[in-house]
PDB file of N, CA and C in Angstrom:
ATOM      1  N   MET A   1      71.703 114.428  82.179  1.00  0.00           N
ATOM      2  CA  MET A   1      72.680 114.919  83.139  1.00  0.00           C
ATOM      3  C   MET A   1      74.070 114.829  82.558  1.00  0.00           C
ATOM      4  N   THR A   2      74.856 115.845  82.854  1.00  0.00           N
ATOM      5  CA  THR A   2      76.266 115.890  82.295  1.00  0.00           C
ATOM      6  C   THR A   2      77.225 114.900  82.971  1.00  0.00           C
ATOM      7  N   GLU A   3      78.321 114.735  82.537  1.00  0.00           N
ATOM      8  CA  GLU A   3      79.326 113.817  83.203  1.00  0.00           C
ATOM      9  C   GLU A   3      79.723 114.341  84.521  1.00  0.00           C
ATOM     10  N   ASN A   4      80.137 113.452  85.421  1.00  0.00           N
ATOM     11  CA  ASN A   4      80.447 113.911  86.799  1.00  0.00           C
ATOM     12  C   ASN A   4      81.949 114.137  86.982  1.00  0.00           C
ATOM     13  N   TYR A   5      82.491 115.067  86.202  1.00  0.00           N
ATOM     14  CA  TYR A   5      83.884 115.389  86.403  1.00  0.00           C
ATOM     15  C   TYR A   5      83.931 116.835  86.616  1.00  0.00           C
ATOM     16  N   VAL A   6      85.014 117.238  87.309  1.00  0.00           N
ATOM     17  CA  VAL A   6      85.151 118.631  87.877  1.00  0.00           C
ATOM     18  C   VAL A   6      85.969 119.485  86.776  1.00  0.00           C
ATOM     19  N   ALA A   7      85.434 120.538  86.385  1.00  0.00           N
ATOM     20  CA  ALA A   7      86.191 121.447  85.435  1.00  0.00           C
ATOM     21  C   ALA A   7      87.356 122.049  86.163  1.00  0.00           C
ATOM     22  N   SER A   8      88.455 122.264  85.324  1.00  0.00           N
ATOM     23  CA  SER A   8      89.659 122.912  85.884  1.00  0.00           C
ATOM     24  C   SER A   8      89.284 124.259  86.372  1.00  0.00           C
ATOM     25  N   GLY A   9      89.941 124.747  87.436  1.00  0.00           N
ATOM     26  CA  GLY A   9      89.734 126.121  87.996  1.00  0.00           C
ATOM     27  C   GLY A   9      88.514 126.133  89.011  1.00  0.00           C
ATOM     28  N   GLN A  10      87.887 124.990  89.248  1.00  0.00           N
ATOM     29  CA  GLN A  10      86.750 124.985  90.167  1.00  0.00           C
ATOM     30  C   GLN A  10      87.020 124.320  91.541  1.00  0.00           C
ATOM     31  N   GLN A  11      88.377 124.076  91.816  1.00  0.00           N
ATOM     32  CA  GLN A  11      88.784 123.295  93.051  1.00  0.00           C
ATOM     33  C   GLN A  11      88.330 124.132  94.299  1.00  0.00           C
ATOM     34  N   ARG A  12      88.321 125.431  94.284  1.00  0.00           N
ATOM     35  CA  ARG A  12      87.959 126.207  95.502  1.00  0.00           C
ATOM     36  C   ARG A  12      86.471 125.990  95.923  1.00  0.00           C
ATOM     37  N   ASN A  13      85.671 125.639  94.951  1.00  0.00           N
ATOM     38  CA  ASN A  13      84.194 125.454  95.176  1.00  0.00           C
ATOM     39  C   ASN A  13      83.821 124.075  95.362  1.00  0.00           C
ATOM     40  N   LEU A  14      84.693 123.060  95.539  1.00  0.00           N
ATOM     41  CA  LEU A  14      84.391 121.733  95.604  1.00  0.00           C
ATOM     42  C   LEU A  14      83.857 121.312  96.916  1.00  0.00           C
ATOM     43  N   ARG A  15      82.882 120.331  96.895  1.00  0.00           N
ATOM     44  CA  ARG A  15      82.303 119.707  98.152  1.00  0.00           C
ATOM     45  C   ARG A  15      82.188 118.254  97.802  1.00  0.00           C
ATOM     46  N   ALA A  16      82.161 117.396  98.878  1.00  0.00           N
ATOM     47  CA  ALA A  16      82.000 116.066  98.753  1.00  0.00           C
ATOM     48  C   ALA A  16      80.765 115.588  99.601  1.00  0.00           C
ATOM     49  N   CYS A  17      79.930 114.769  98.964  1.00  0.00           N
ATOM     50  CA  CYS A  17      78.696 114.197  99.578  1.00  0.00           C
ATOM     51  C   CYS A  17      79.203 113.311 100.790  1.00  0.00           C
ATOM     52  N   MET A  18      78.659 113.495 101.969  1.00  0.00           N
ATOM     53  CA  MET A  18      79.003 112.642 103.200  1.00  0.00           C
ATOM     54  C   MET A  18      78.375 111.305 103.051  1.00  0.00           C
ATOM     55  N   VAL A  19      77.564 110.966 102.162  1.00  0.00           N
ATOM     56  CA  VAL A  19      77.020 109.618 102.140  1.00  0.00           C
ATOM     57  C   VAL A  19      77.800 108.748 100.994  1.00  0.00           C
ATOM     58  N   CYS A  20      77.928 109.244  99.805  1.00  0.00           N
ATOM     59  CA  CYS A  20      78.506 108.529  98.646  1.00  0.00           C
ATOM     60  C   CYS A  20      80.009 109.019  98.354  1.00  0.00           C
ATOM     61  N   SER A  21      80.417 110.214  98.830  1.00  0.00           N
ATOM     62  CA  SER A  21      81.635 110.807  98.662  1.00  0.00           C
ATOM     63  C   SER A  21      81.943 111.410  97.267  1.00  0.00           C
ATOM     64  N   ILE A  22      80.943 111.507  96.420  1.00  0.00           N
ATOM     65  CA  ILE A  22      81.078 112.160  95.059  1.00  0.00           C
ATOM     66  C   ILE A  22      81.503 113.599  95.242  1.00  0.00           C
ATOM     67  N   VAL A  23      82.489 114.065  94.429  1.00  0.00           N
ATOM     68  CA  VAL A  23      82.986 115.409  94.575  1.00  0.00           C
ATOM     69  C   VAL A  23      82.465 116.205  93.358  1.00  0.00           C
ATOM     70  N   MET A  24      81.840 117.367  93.724  1.00  0.00           N
ATOM     71  CA  MET A  24      81.328 118.304  92.640  1.00  0.00           C
ATOM     72  C   MET A  24      81.408 119.637  93.200  1.00  0.00           C
ATOM     73  N   THR A  25      81.125 120.622  92.374  1.00  0.00           N
ATOM     74  CA  THR A  25      81.075 122.017  92.866  1.00  0.00           C
ATOM     75  C   THR A  25      79.829 122.261  93.642  1.00  0.00           C
ATOM     76  N   GLN A  26      79.873 123.248  94.439  1.00  0.00           N
ATOM     77  CA  GLN A  26      78.701 123.617  95.311  1.00  0.00           C
ATOM     78  C   GLN A  26      77.579 124.053  94.279  1.00  0.00           C
ATOM     79  N   THR A  27      77.865 124.828  93.325  1.00  0.00           N
ATOM     80  CA  THR A  27      76.761 125.134  92.336  1.00  0.00           C
ATOM     81  C   THR A  27      76.177 124.021  91.712  1.00  0.00           C
ATOM     82  N   ARG A  28      76.990 123.043  91.375  1.00  0.00           N
ATOM     83  CA  ARG A  28      76.418 121.821  90.702  1.00  0.00           C
ATOM     84  C   ARG A  28      75.490 121.004  91.702  1.00  0.00           C
ATOM     85  N   PHE A  29      75.984 120.857  92.913  1.00  0.00           N
ATOM     86  CA  PHE A  29      75.130 120.167  93.891  1.00  0.00           C
ATOM     87  C   PHE A  29      73.792 120.906  93.993  1.00  0.00           C
ATOM     88  N   LEU A  30      73.810 122.267  94.141  1.00  0.00           N
ATOM     89  CA  LEU A  30      72.545 122.951  94.204  1.00  0.00           C
ATOM     90  C   LEU A  30      71.621 122.862  92.954  1.00  0.00           C
ATOM     91  N   ARG A  31      72.318 122.883  91.775  1.00  0.00           N
ATOM     92  CA  ARG A  31      71.502 122.807  90.582  1.00  0.00           C
ATOM     93  C   ARG A  31      70.905 121.409  90.305  1.00  0.00           C
ATOM     94  N   GLU A  32      71.740 120.284  90.486  1.00  0.00           N
ATOM     95  CA  GLU A  32      71.429 119.020  90.167  1.00  0.00           C
ATOM     96  C   GLU A  32      71.182 117.995  91.265  1.00  0.00           C
ATOM     97  N   GLY A  33      71.701 118.375  92.437  1.00  0.00           N
ATOM     98  CA  GLY A  33      71.670 117.440  93.586  1.00  0.00           C
ATOM     99  C   GLY A  33      72.714 116.431  93.433  1.00  0.00           C
ATOM    100  N   CYS A  34      72.745 115.527  94.404  1.00  0.00           N
ATOM    101  CA  CYS A  34      73.786 114.443  94.339  1.00  0.00           C
ATOM    102  C   CYS A  34      73.241 113.338  93.360  1.00  0.00           C
ATOM    103  N   PRO A  35      74.025 112.827  92.411  1.00  0.00           N
ATOM    104  CA  PRO A  35      73.562 111.853  91.427  1.00  0.00           C
ATOM    105  C   PRO A  35      73.336 110.566  92.044  1.00  0.00           C
ATOM    106  N   ASN A  36      73.820 110.327  93.170  1.00  0.00           N
ATOM    107  CA  ASN A  36      73.574 108.986  93.853  1.00  0.00           C
ATOM    108  C   ASN A  36      72.691 109.008  94.993  1.00  0.00           C
ATOM    109  N   CYS A  37      72.526 110.143  95.662  1.00  0.00           N
ATOM    110  CA  CYS A  37      71.775 110.199  96.867  1.00  0.00           C
ATOM    111  C   CYS A  37      70.575 111.150  97.003  1.00  0.00           C
ATOM    112  N   ASP A  38      70.360 111.925  95.920  1.00  0.00           N
ATOM    113  CA  ASP A  38      69.433 113.096  96.100  1.00  0.00           C
ATOM    114  C   ASP A  38      67.986 112.508  96.307  1.00  0.00           C
ATOM    115  N   GLU A  39      67.699 111.323  96.026  1.00  0.00           N
ATOM    116  CA  GLU A  39      66.286 110.872  96.318  1.00  0.00           C
ATOM    117  C   GLU A  39      65.960 110.872  97.729  1.00  0.00           C
ATOM    118  N   PHE A  40      66.996 110.750  98.634  1.00  0.00           N
ATOM    119  CA  PHE A  40      66.749 110.724 100.024  1.00  0.00           C
ATOM    120  C   PHE A  40      67.351 112.061 100.813  1.00  0.00           C
ATOM    121  N   LEU A  41      68.445 112.614 100.214  1.00  0.00           N
ATOM    122  CA  LEU A  41      69.087 113.775 100.741  1.00  0.00           C
ATOM    123  C   LEU A  41      68.467 115.062 100.348  1.00  0.00           C
ATOM    124  N   HIS A  42      67.851 115.086  99.184  1.00  0.00           N
ATOM    125  CA  HIS A  42      67.158 116.314  98.642  1.00  0.00           C
ATOM    126  C   HIS A  42      68.106 117.563  98.724  1.00  0.00           C
ATOM    127  N   ILE A  43      69.311 117.412  98.151  1.00  0.00           N
ATOM    128  CA  ILE A  43      70.217 118.643  98.108  1.00  0.00           C
ATOM    129  C   ILE A  43      69.875 119.586  97.020  1.00  0.00           C
ATOM    130  N   GLN A  44      69.301 119.121  96.008  1.00  0.00           N
ATOM    131  CA  GLN A  44      68.929 119.992  94.745  1.00  0.00           C
ATOM    132  C   GLN A  44      68.093 121.180  95.225  1.00  0.00           C
ATOM    133  N   GLY A  45      68.618 122.349  95.121  1.00  0.00           N
ATOM    134  CA  GLY A  45      67.854 123.548  95.379  1.00  0.00           C
ATOM    135  C   GLY A  45      67.791 123.939  96.885  1.00  0.00           C
ATOM    136  N   SER A  46      68.484 123.220  97.791  1.00  0.00           N
ATOM    137  CA  SER A  46      68.359 123.412  99.211  1.00  0.00           C
ATOM    138  C   SER A  46      69.811 123.773  99.762  1.00  0.00           C
ATOM    139  N   GLN A  47      70.024 125.000 100.081  1.00  0.00           N
ATOM    140  CA  GLN A  47      71.225 125.506 100.647  1.00  0.00           C
ATOM    141  C   GLN A  47      71.481 124.767 101.991  1.00  0.00           C
ATOM    142  N   ASP A  48      70.439 124.648 102.794  1.00  0.00           N
ATOM    143  CA  ASP A  48      70.508 123.931 104.094  1.00  0.00           C
ATOM    144  C   ASP A  48      71.003 122.465 103.962  1.00  0.00           C
ATOM    145  N   ALA A  49      70.309 121.689 103.014  1.00  0.00           N
ATOM    146  CA  ALA A  49      70.745 120.342 102.789  1.00  0.00           C
ATOM    147  C   ALA A  49      72.161 120.200 102.230  1.00  0.00           C
ATOM    148  N   LEU A  50      72.462 121.193 101.468  1.00  0.00           N
ATOM    149  CA  LEU A  50      73.930 121.199 100.893  1.00  0.00           C
ATOM    150  C   LEU A  50      74.871 121.337 101.984  1.00  0.00           C
ATOM    151  N   LEU A  51      74.625 122.200 102.977  1.00  0.00           N
ATOM    152  CA  LEU A  51      75.554 122.481 104.081  1.00  0.00           C
ATOM    153  C   LEU A  51      75.476 121.270 105.038  1.00  0.00           C
ATOM    154  N   ASP A  52      74.455 120.550 105.217  1.00  0.00           N
ATOM    155  CA  ASP A  52      74.252 119.525 106.179  1.00  0.00           C
ATOM    156  C   ASP A  52      74.842 118.185 105.621  1.00  0.00           C
ATOM    157  N   CYS A  53      74.777 117.973 104.291  1.00  0.00           N
ATOM    158  CA  CYS A  53      74.975 116.707 103.709  1.00  0.00           C
ATOM    159  C   CYS A  53      76.384 116.575 102.880  1.00  0.00           C
ATOM    160  N   THR A  54      76.994 117.734 102.741  1.00  0.00           N
ATOM    161  CA  THR A  54      78.226 117.719 101.972  1.00  0.00           C
ATOM    162  C   THR A  54      79.379 118.418 102.822  1.00  0.00           C
ATOM    163  N   SER A  55      80.561 118.268 102.434  1.00  0.00           N
ATOM    164  CA  SER A  55      81.703 118.791 103.212  1.00  0.00           C
ATOM    165  C   SER A  55      82.721 119.411 102.278  1.00  0.00           C
ATOM    166  N   GLN A  56      83.319 120.437 102.693  1.00  0.00           N
ATOM    167  CA  GLN A  56      84.535 121.038 101.888  1.00  0.00           C
ATOM    168  C   GLN A  56      85.792 120.360 102.320  1.00  0.00           C
ATOM    169  N   VAL A  57      85.796 119.550 103.298  1.00  0.00           N
ATOM    170  CA  VAL A  57      87.007 118.912 103.929  1.00  0.00           C
ATOM    171  C   VAL A  57      86.982 117.435 103.545  1.00  0.00           C
ATOM    172  N   PHE A  58      87.828 117.205 102.552  1.00  0.00           N
ATOM    173  CA  PHE A  58      87.980 115.750 102.154  1.00  0.00           C
ATOM    174  C   PHE A  58      89.403 115.487 101.695  1.00  0.00           C
ATOM    175  N   GLU A  59      89.715 114.119 101.679  1.00  0.00           N
ATOM    176  CA  GLU A  59      91.090 113.712 101.258  1.00  0.00           C
ATOM    177  C   GLU A  59      91.036 112.921  99.964  1.00  0.00           C
ATOM    178  N   GLY A  60      92.156 112.848  99.214  1.00  0.00           N
ATOM    179  CA  GLY A  60      92.177 111.979  98.155  1.00  0.00           C
ATOM    180  C   GLY A  60      91.156 112.092  97.086  1.00  0.00           C
ATOM    181  N   LEU A  61      91.491 111.826  95.835  1.00  0.00           N
ATOM    182  CA  LEU A  61      90.447 111.738  94.805  1.00  0.00           C
ATOM    183  C   LEU A  61      90.600 110.468  94.018  1.00  0.00           C
ATOM    184  N   ILE A  62      89.502 109.941  93.536  1.00  0.00           N
ATOM    185  CA  ILE A  62      89.483 108.739  92.687  1.00  0.00           C
ATOM    186  C   ILE A  62      88.568 109.017  91.560  1.00  0.00           C
ATOM    187  N   ALA A  63      89.156 108.970  90.339  1.00  0.00           N
ATOM    188  CA  ALA A  63      88.339 109.138  89.147  1.00  0.00           C
ATOM    189  C   ALA A  63      87.878 107.799  88.632  1.00  0.00           C
ATOM    190  N   LEU A  64      86.585 107.597  88.590  1.00  0.00           N
ATOM    191  CA  LEU A  64      85.959 106.305  88.160  1.00  0.00           C
ATOM    192  C   LEU A  64      85.207 106.478  86.817  1.00  0.00           C
ATOM    193  N   ALA A  65      85.778 105.838  85.862  1.00  0.00           N
ATOM    194  CA  ALA A  65      85.204 105.736  84.535  1.00  0.00           C
ATOM    195  C   ALA A  65      84.069 104.687  84.435  1.00  0.00           C
ATOM    196  N   ASP A  66      84.327 103.534  85.135  1.00  0.00           N
ATOM    197  CA  ASP A  66      83.417 102.476  85.042  1.00  0.00           C
ATOM    198  C   ASP A  66      83.402 101.794  86.493  1.00  0.00           C
ATOM    199  N   PRO A  67      82.602 102.321  87.347  1.00  0.00           N
ATOM    200  CA  PRO A  67      82.660 101.820  88.728  1.00  0.00           C
ATOM    201  C   PRO A  67      82.304 100.382  88.912  1.00  0.00           C
ATOM    202  N   SER A  68      81.434  99.845  88.047  1.00  0.00           N
ATOM    203  CA  SER A  68      81.039  98.447  88.166  1.00  0.00           C
ATOM    204  C   SER A  68      82.222  97.454  87.907  1.00  0.00           C
ATOM    205  N   LYS A  69      83.235  97.928  87.211  1.00  0.00           N
ATOM    206  CA  LYS A  69      84.395  97.042  86.891  1.00  0.00           C
ATOM    207  C   LYS A  69      85.697  97.359  87.658  1.00  0.00           C
ATOM    208  N   SER A  70      85.603  98.370  88.499  1.00  0.00           N
ATOM    209  CA  SER A  70      86.801  98.803  89.122  1.00  0.00           C
ATOM    210  C   SER A  70      87.042  98.115  90.552  1.00  0.00           C
ATOM    211  N   TRP A  71      88.108  97.628  90.853  1.00  0.00           N
ATOM    212  CA  TRP A  71      88.387  97.001  92.095  1.00  0.00           C
ATOM    213  C   TRP A  71      88.497  98.051  93.235  1.00  0.00           C
ATOM    214  N   VAL A  72      88.926  99.277  92.747  1.00  0.00           N
ATOM    215  CA  VAL A  72      89.053 100.424  93.713  1.00  0.00           C
ATOM    216  C   VAL A  72      87.708 100.890  94.120  1.00  0.00           C
ATOM    217  N   ALA A  73      86.724 100.936  93.156  1.00  0.00           N
ATOM    218  CA  ALA A  73      85.391 101.277  93.413  1.00  0.00           C
ATOM    219  C   ALA A  73      84.808 100.235  94.409  1.00  0.00           C
ATOM    220  N   LYS A  74      84.975  98.986  94.194  1.00  0.00           N
ATOM    221  CA  LYS A  74      84.509  97.946  95.104  1.00  0.00           C
ATOM    222  C   LYS A  74      85.075  98.197  96.539  1.00  0.00           C
ATOM    223  N   TRP A  75      86.502  98.398  96.562  1.00  0.00           N
ATOM    224  CA  TRP A  75      87.144  98.577  97.826  1.00  0.00           C
ATOM    225  C   TRP A  75      86.631  99.798  98.628  1.00  0.00           C
ATOM    226  N   GLN A  76      86.163 100.872  97.936  1.00  0.00           N
ATOM    227  CA  GLN A  76      85.744 102.108  98.459  1.00  0.00           C
ATOM    228  C   GLN A  76      84.245 102.115  98.628  1.00  0.00           C
ATOM    229  N   ARG A  77      83.493 101.009  98.254  1.00  0.00           N
ATOM    230  CA  ARG A  77      82.130 100.924  98.289  1.00  0.00           C
ATOM    231  C   ARG A  77      81.404 101.972  97.364  1.00  0.00           C
ATOM    232  N   LEU A  78      82.010 102.025  96.131  1.00  0.00           N
ATOM    233  CA  LEU A  78      81.507 102.970  95.095  1.00  0.00           C
ATOM    234  C   LEU A  78      81.020 102.196  93.884  1.00  0.00           C
ATOM    235  N   ASP A  79      81.027 100.950  93.873  1.00  0.00           N
ATOM    236  CA  ASP A  79      80.687 100.178  92.723  1.00  0.00           C
ATOM    237  C   ASP A  79      79.316 100.321  92.161  1.00  0.00           C
ATOM    238  N   ASN A  80      78.438 100.765  92.970  1.00  0.00           N
ATOM    239  CA  ASN A  80      77.016 100.928  92.442  1.00  0.00           C
ATOM    240  C   ASN A  80      76.595 102.332  92.241  1.00  0.00           C
ATOM    241  N   TYR A  81      77.600 103.265  92.156  1.00  0.00           N
ATOM    242  CA  TYR A  81      77.371 104.602  91.930  1.00  0.00           C
ATOM    243  C   TYR A  81      77.709 105.062  90.510  1.00  0.00           C
ATOM    244  N   VAL A  82      77.366 106.271  90.199  1.00  0.00           N
ATOM    245  CA  VAL A  82      77.564 106.821  88.845  1.00  0.00           C
ATOM    246  C   VAL A  82      79.082 107.038  88.650  1.00  0.00           C
ATOM    247  N   LYS A  83      79.611 107.120  87.370  1.00  0.00           N
ATOM    248  CA  LYS A  83      80.996 107.514  87.222  1.00  0.00           C
ATOM    249  C   LYS A  83      81.194 108.896  87.546  1.00  0.00           C
ATOM    250  N   GLY A  84      82.393 109.191  87.896  1.00  0.00           N
ATOM    251  CA  GLY A  84      82.743 110.565  88.321  1.00  0.00           C
ATOM    252  C   GLY A  84      83.960 110.612  89.267  1.00  0.00           C
ATOM    253  N   VAL A  85      84.230 111.693  89.972  1.00  0.00           N
ATOM    254  CA  VAL A  85      85.288 111.871  90.904  1.00  0.00           C
ATOM    255  C   VAL A  85      84.820 111.735  92.320  1.00  0.00           C
ATOM    256  N   TYR A  86      85.508 110.878  93.089  1.00  0.00           N
ATOM    257  CA  TYR A  86      85.130 110.679  94.537  1.00  0.00           C
ATOM    258  C   TYR A  86      86.238 110.875  95.399  1.00  0.00           C
ATOM    259  N   ALA A  87      85.975 111.252  96.686  1.00  0.00           N
ATOM    260  CA  ALA A  87      86.954 111.459  97.650  1.00  0.00           C
ATOM    261  C   ALA A  87      87.167 110.124  98.393  1.00  0.00           C
ATOM    262  N   THR A  88      88.362 109.953  98.839  1.00  0.00           N
ATOM    263  CA  THR A  88      88.659 108.670  99.570  1.00  0.00           C
ATOM    264  C   THR A  88      88.195 108.798 101.099  1.00  0.00           C
ATOM    265  N   LYS A  89      88.134 109.996 101.589  1.00  0.00           N
ATOM    266  CA  LYS A  89      87.796 110.237 102.971  1.00  0.00           C
ATOM    267  C   LYS A  89      87.070 111.635 102.997  1.00  0.00           C
ATOM    268  N   VAL A  90      85.978 111.678 103.659  1.00  0.00           N
ATOM    269  CA  VAL A  90      85.136 112.949 103.796  1.00  0.00           C
ATOM    270  C   VAL A  90      84.941 113.275 105.245  1.00  0.00           C
ATOM    271  N   SER A  91      85.419 114.341 105.712  1.00  0.00           N
ATOM    272  CA  SER A  91      85.357 114.766 107.073  1.00  0.00           C
ATOM    273  C   SER A  91      83.964 115.351 107.297  1.00  0.00           C
ATOM    274  N   GLY A  92      83.455 115.056 108.435  1.00  0.00           N
ATOM    275  CA  GLY A  92      82.091 115.594 108.950  1.00  0.00           C
ATOM    276  C   GLY A  92      81.216 114.451 109.263  1.00  0.00           C
ATOM    277  N   GLN A  93      80.200 114.720 109.982  1.00  0.00           N
ATOM    278  CA  GLN A  93      79.141 113.846 110.352  1.00  0.00           C
ATOM    279  C   GLN A  93      77.736 114.308 109.949  1.00  0.00           C
ATOM    280  N   LEU A  94      76.934 113.358 109.451  1.00  0.00           N
ATOM    281  CA  LEU A  94      75.490 113.741 109.161  1.00  0.00           C
ATOM    282  C   LEU A  94      74.817 113.904 110.495  1.00  0.00           C
ATOM    283  N   GLY A  95      73.733 114.715 110.521  1.00  0.00           N
ATOM    284  CA  GLY A  95      72.942 114.804 111.608  1.00  0.00           C
ATOM    285  C   GLY A  95      72.069 113.546 111.940  1.00  0.00           C
ATOM    286  N   ASP A  96      71.632 113.323 113.147  1.00  0.00           N
ATOM    287  CA  ASP A  96      70.864 112.150 113.490  1.00  0.00           C
ATOM    288  C   ASP A  96      69.606 112.050 112.605  1.00  0.00           C
ATOM    289  N   GLU A  97      68.937 113.143 112.313  1.00  0.00           N
ATOM    290  CA  GLU A  97      67.713 113.181 111.552  1.00  0.00           C
ATOM    291  C   GLU A  97      67.941 112.676 110.146  1.00  0.00           C
ATOM    292  N   VAL A  98      69.070 113.111 109.553  1.00  0.00           N
ATOM    293  CA  VAL A  98      69.316 112.686 108.201  1.00  0.00           C
ATOM    294  C   VAL A  98      69.751 111.170 108.213  1.00  0.00           C
ATOM    295  N   ILE A  99      70.514 110.770 109.175  1.00  0.00           N
ATOM    296  CA  ILE A  99      70.833 109.305 109.219  1.00  0.00           C
ATOM    297  C   ILE A  99      69.548 108.440 109.448  1.00  0.00           C
ATOM    298  N   ALA A 100      68.556 108.926 110.200  1.00  0.00           N
ATOM    299  CA  ALA A 100      67.323 108.210 110.391  1.00  0.00           C
ATOM    300  C   ALA A 100      66.562 108.171 109.093  1.00  0.00           C
ATOM    301  N   VAL A 101      66.615 109.168 108.217  1.00  0.00           N
ATOM    302  CA  VAL A 101      65.872 109.110 106.919  1.00  0.00           C
ATOM    303  C   VAL A 101      66.670 108.115 106.081  1.00  0.00           C
ATOM    304  N   ILE A 102      67.917 108.128 106.089  1.00  0.00           N
ATOM    305  CA  ILE A 102      68.711 107.173 105.153  1.00  0.00           C
ATOM    306  C   ILE A 102      68.430 105.835 105.595  1.00  0.00           C
ATOM    307  N   GLU A 103      68.487 105.557 106.859  1.00  0.00           N
ATOM    308  CA  GLU A 103      68.364 104.100 107.295  1.00  0.00           C
ATOM    309  C   GLU A 103      66.895 103.623 107.325  1.00  0.00           C
ATOM    310  N   ASP A 104      65.995 104.533 107.771  1.00  0.00           N
ATOM    311  CA  ASP A 104      64.613 104.036 107.885  1.00  0.00           C
ATOM    312  C   ASP A 104      63.756 104.155 106.628  1.00  0.00           C
ATOM    313  N   GLU A 105      63.899 105.294 105.862  1.00  0.00           N
ATOM    314  CA  GLU A 105      63.084 105.423 104.828  1.00  0.00           C
ATOM    315  C   GLU A 105      63.748 104.924 103.516  1.00  0.00           C
ATOM    316  N   ALA A 106      65.044 105.217 103.260  1.00  0.00           N
ATOM    317  CA  ALA A 106      65.779 104.694 102.093  1.00  0.00           C
ATOM    318  C   ALA A 106      66.384 103.275 102.273  1.00  0.00           C
ATOM    319  N   ARG A 107      66.320 102.784 103.563  1.00  0.00           N
ATOM    320  CA  ARG A 107      66.738 101.412 103.840  1.00  0.00           C
ATOM    321  C   ARG A 107      68.170 101.219 103.443  1.00  0.00           C
ATOM    322  N   ILE A 108      68.962 102.189 103.673  1.00  0.00           N
ATOM    323  CA  ILE A 108      70.467 102.099 103.403  1.00  0.00           C
ATOM    324  C   ILE A 108      71.207 102.145 104.763  1.00  0.00           C
ATOM    325  N   ARG A 109      72.128 101.218 104.907  1.00  0.00           N
ATOM    326  CA  ARG A 109      72.939 101.308 106.130  1.00  0.00           C
ATOM    327  C   ARG A 109      74.074 102.340 105.966  1.00  0.00           C
ATOM    328  N   TYR A 110      73.939 103.340 106.769  1.00  0.00           N
ATOM    329  CA  TYR A 110      74.903 104.462 106.657  1.00  0.00           C
ATOM    330  C   TYR A 110      76.258 104.130 107.375  1.00  0.00           C
ATOM    331  N   ILE A 111      77.322 104.268 106.648  1.00  0.00           N
ATOM    332  CA  ILE A 111      78.651 104.171 107.069  1.00  0.00           C
ATOM    333  C   ILE A 111      79.409 105.442 106.779  1.00  0.00           C
ATOM    334  N   PRO A 112      79.832 106.182 107.831  1.00  0.00           N
ATOM    335  CA  PRO A 112      80.459 107.426 107.647  1.00  0.00           C
ATOM    336  C   PRO A 112      81.665 107.282 106.774  1.00  0.00           C
ATOM    337  N   ARG A 113      81.940 108.301 105.982  1.00  0.00           N
ATOM    338  CA  ARG A 113      83.046 108.270 105.023  1.00  0.00           C
ATOM    339  C   ARG A 113      84.335 109.005 105.645  1.00  0.00           C
ATOM    340  N   ASP A 114      84.191 109.286 106.961  1.00  0.00           N
ATOM    341  CA  ASP A 114      85.399 109.914 107.533  1.00  0.00           C
ATOM    342  C   ASP A 114      86.438 109.018 108.196  1.00  0.00           C
ATOM    343  N   GLY A 115      86.068 107.690 108.133  1.00  0.00           N
ATOM    344  CA  GLY A 115      87.006 106.694 108.708  1.00  0.00           C
ATOM    345  C   GLY A 115      86.713 106.429 110.240  1.00  0.00           C
ATOM    346  N   SER A 116      85.642 107.041 110.755  1.00  0.00           N
ATOM    347  CA  SER A 116      85.284 106.780 112.158  1.00  0.00           C
ATOM    348  C   SER A 116      84.658 105.457 112.449  1.00  0.00           C
ATOM    349  N   ALA A 117      84.185 104.759 111.317  1.00  0.00           N
ATOM    350  CA  ALA A 117      83.500 103.642 111.566  1.00  0.00           C
ATOM    351  C   ALA A 117      83.891 102.649 110.348  1.00  0.00           C
ATOM    352  N   THR A 118      83.785 101.373 110.473  1.00  0.00           N
ATOM    353  CA  THR A 118      84.045 100.445 109.417  1.00  0.00           C
ATOM    354  C   THR A 118      82.883  99.566 109.206  1.00  0.00           C
ATOM    355  N   GLU A 119      82.814  98.757 108.141  1.00  0.00           N
ATOM    356  CA  GLU A 119      81.703  97.927 107.927  1.00  0.00           C
ATOM    357  C   GLU A 119      81.576  96.888 109.001  1.00  0.00           C
ATOM    358  N   ALA A 120      82.670  96.460 109.577  1.00  0.00           N
ATOM    359  CA  ALA A 120      82.646  95.481 110.704  1.00  0.00           C
ATOM    360  C   ALA A 120      81.968  95.989 111.976  1.00  0.00           C
ATOM    361  N   ASP A 121      81.794  97.210 112.077  1.00  0.00           N
ATOM    362  CA  ASP A 121      81.178  97.850 113.380  1.00  0.00           C
ATOM    363  C   ASP A 121      79.808  97.443 113.524  1.00  0.00           C
TER     364      ASP A 121
END
């Protein structure tokens, strides 16, 4: 897998994963899937999953070269993810069926990246 940084001139085609908030081009999500979440989101090769699980509306960018050593990564709950570019806030909500898969099958507690919920909720 190539590095998770966005090439210049590709800003129009960017999307952010609603689970981990990694930012990549739409084409790359379709070709490779989400490097952190594809085992349960299955974005690779699926236009429907791409539209359901990623968003074109996001705020702020964080470039992480070593997420395991970054206090910003820890603060944003990104410290267990691959290096790359992440959004600080991703607008949109996952569907109930996708959340059920994440929480029941993948055993991951879903916390929306849009600021509507916090870890204390």
